Amino acid sequence: MAERRRSDLARFIVDNVTALLEGNVLPPTENQLKYAVAIASALELELPPDVLKYRDSMGVFLSKHAQNYHRIKASKNPARDSPQ
């Protein structure tokens, strides 16, 4: 069990270092950063450092929290959806 964990960790490290060296890791876009900050603020979440550095991590964060963010945002602005 411990040997497998060491092997998995080693593979994870090698894969990530290789990706960094090859330039395959992209930072999040400005729009993603703004959206994540809005989500984190509304849901009272802390933005993990990797979300602020890596587009893939940002995508996971946004996918995980966007639906809840929109639900909360809609509940705070019910007049916006009602007919006048």
C-alpha atoms as a PDB file:
ATOM      1  CA  MET A   1       0.000   0.000   0.000  1.00  0.00           C
ATOM      2  CA  ALA A   2       2.719   2.487   0.973  1.00  0.00           C
ATOM      3  CA  GLU A   3       4.758   1.542  -2.086  1.00  0.00           C
ATOM      4  CA  ARG A   4       1.790   2.236  -4.349  1.00  0.00           C
ATOM      5  CA  ARG A   5       1.247   5.653  -2.724  1.00  0.00           C
ATOM      6  CA  ARG A   6       4.911   6.528  -3.257  1.00  0.00           C
ATOM      7  CA  SER A   7       4.663   5.420  -6.866  1.00  0.00           C
ATOM      8  CA  ASP A   8       1.464   7.456  -7.408  1.00  0.00           C
ATOM      9  CA  LEU A   9       3.049  10.517  -5.794  1.00  0.00           C
ATOM     10  CA  ALA A  10       6.178  10.151  -7.916  1.00  0.00           C
ATOM     11  CA  ARG A  11       4.075   9.863 -11.080  1.00  0.00           C
ATOM     12  CA  PHE A  12       2.041  12.934 -10.057  1.00  0.00           C
ATOM     13  CA  ILE A  13       5.200  14.976  -9.464  1.00  0.00           C
ATOM     14  CA  VAL A  14       6.811  13.897 -12.725  1.00  0.00           C
ATOM     15  CA  ASP A  15       3.646  14.633 -14.713  1.00  0.00           C
ATOM     16  CA  ASN A  16       3.270  18.099 -13.225  1.00  0.00           C
ATOM     17  CA  VAL A  17       6.929  19.063 -13.542  1.00  0.00           C
ATOM     18  CA  THR A  18       6.915  17.825 -17.141  1.00  0.00           C
ATOM     19  CA  ALA A  19       3.807  19.862 -17.912  1.00  0.00           C
ATOM     20  CA  LEU A  20       5.399  22.965 -16.388  1.00  0.00           C
ATOM     21  CA  LEU A  21       8.615  22.502 -18.336  1.00  0.00           C
ATOM     22  CA  GLU A  22       6.746  21.925 -21.565  1.00  0.00           C
ATOM     23  CA  GLY A  23       4.629  25.017 -21.020  1.00  0.00           C
ATOM     24  CA  ASN A  24       1.339  23.098 -21.069  1.00  0.00           C
ATOM     25  CA  VAL A  25       0.062  24.768 -17.937  1.00  0.00           C
ATOM     26  CA  LEU A  26      -1.904  27.918 -18.641  1.00  0.00           C
ATOM     27  CA  PRO A  27      -2.971  30.560 -16.137  1.00  0.00           C
ATOM     28  CA  PRO A  28      -6.656  31.380 -15.740  1.00  0.00           C
ATOM     29  CA  THR A  29      -8.083  34.135 -17.912  1.00  0.00           C
ATOM     30  CA  GLU A  30      -8.965  37.535 -16.491  1.00  0.00           C
ATOM     31  CA  ASN A  31     -12.675  36.746 -16.881  1.00  0.00           C
ATOM     32  CA  GLN A  32     -12.266  33.445 -15.039  1.00  0.00           C
ATOM     33  CA  LEU A  33     -10.505  35.248 -12.187  1.00  0.00           C
ATOM     34  CA  LYS A  34     -13.286  37.847 -11.911  1.00  0.00           C
ATOM     35  CA  TYR A  35     -15.957  35.155 -11.977  1.00  0.00           C
ATOM     36  CA  ALA A  36     -14.152  33.055  -9.355  1.00  0.00           C
ATOM     37  CA  VAL A  37     -13.780  36.055  -7.045  1.00  0.00           C
ATOM     38  CA  ALA A  38     -17.506  36.805  -7.388  1.00  0.00           C
ATOM     39  CA  ILE A  39     -18.359  33.174  -6.621  1.00  0.00           C
ATOM     40  CA  ALA A  40     -15.989  32.999  -3.667  1.00  0.00           C
ATOM     41  CA  SER A  41     -17.386  36.225  -2.246  1.00  0.00           C
ATOM     42  CA  ALA A  42     -21.037  35.233  -2.647  1.00  0.00           C
ATOM     43  CA  LEU A  43     -20.527  31.718  -1.290  1.00  0.00           C
ATOM     44  CA  GLU A  44     -18.027  32.797   1.364  1.00  0.00           C
ATOM     45  CA  LEU A  45     -15.346  30.478   0.000  1.00  0.00           C
ATOM     46  CA  GLU A  46     -11.594  30.763   0.063  1.00  0.00           C
ATOM     47  CA  LEU A  47      -9.939  30.562  -3.339  1.00  0.00           C
ATOM     48  CA  PRO A  48      -7.254  27.866  -3.271  1.00  0.00           C
ATOM     49  CA  PRO A  49      -3.857  29.020  -4.586  1.00  0.00           C
ATOM     50  CA  ASP A  50      -3.848  26.520  -7.455  1.00  0.00           C
ATOM     51  CA  VAL A  51      -7.163  27.962  -8.709  1.00  0.00           C
ATOM     52  CA  LEU A  52      -5.481  31.345  -9.039  1.00  0.00           C
ATOM     53  CA  LYS A  53      -2.496  29.860 -10.886  1.00  0.00           C
ATOM     54  CA  TYR A  54      -3.791  27.148 -13.205  1.00  0.00           C
ATOM     55  CA  ARG A  55      -6.599  27.228 -15.760  1.00  0.00           C
ATOM     56  CA  ASP A  56      -7.423  23.552 -15.221  1.00  0.00           C
ATOM     57  CA  SER A  57      -7.855  24.060 -11.479  1.00  0.00           C
ATOM     58  CA  MET A  58      -9.902  27.164 -12.174  1.00  0.00           C
ATOM     59  CA  GLY A  59     -12.189  25.173 -14.451  1.00  0.00           C
ATOM     60  CA  VAL A  60     -12.786  22.600 -11.737  1.00  0.00           C
ATOM     61  CA  PHE A  61     -13.547  25.327  -9.181  1.00  0.00           C
ATOM     62  CA  LEU A  62     -15.977  27.104 -11.493  1.00  0.00           C
ATOM     63  CA  SER A  63     -17.729  23.877 -12.467  1.00  0.00           C
ATOM     64  CA  LYS A  64     -18.097  22.877  -8.848  1.00  0.00           C
ATOM     65  CA  HIS A  65     -19.531  26.177  -7.573  1.00  0.00           C
ATOM     66  CA  ALA A  66     -21.183  28.013 -10.503  1.00  0.00           C
ATOM     67  CA  GLN A  67     -24.620  26.419 -10.176  1.00  0.00           C
ATOM     68  CA  ASN A  68     -24.864  27.220  -6.464  1.00  0.00           C
ATOM     69  CA  TYR A  69     -23.642  30.774  -7.152  1.00  0.00           C
ATOM     70  CA  HIS A  70     -26.363  31.354  -9.743  1.00  0.00           C
ATOM     71  CA  ARG A  71     -29.000  29.890  -7.436  1.00  0.00           C
ATOM     72  CA  ILE A  72     -28.001  32.236  -4.612  1.00  0.00           C
ATOM     73  CA  LYS A  73     -27.723  35.204  -6.948  1.00  0.00           C
ATOM     74  CA  ALA A  74     -31.217  34.547  -8.337  1.00  0.00           C
ATOM     75  CA  SER A  75     -32.699  34.248  -4.846  1.00  0.00           C
ATOM     76  CA  LYS A  76     -31.269  37.657  -3.923  1.00  0.00           C
ATOM     77  CA  ASN A  77     -32.752  39.324  -7.031  1.00  0.00           C
ATOM     78  CA  PRO A  78     -36.260  37.849  -7.427  1.00  0.00           C
ATOM     79  CA  ALA A  79     -37.714  41.126  -8.760  1.00  0.00           C
ATOM     80  CA  ARG A  80     -35.453  40.902 -11.755  1.00  0.00           C
ATOM     81  CA  ASP A  81     -37.256  37.805 -13.028  1.00  0.00           C
ATOM     82  CA  SER A  82     -40.803  38.895 -12.233  1.00  0.00           C
ATOM     83  CA  PRO A  83     -43.040  40.647 -14.793  1.00  0.00           C
ATOM     84  CA  GLN A  84     -43.613  44.356 -14.342  1.00  0.00           C
END
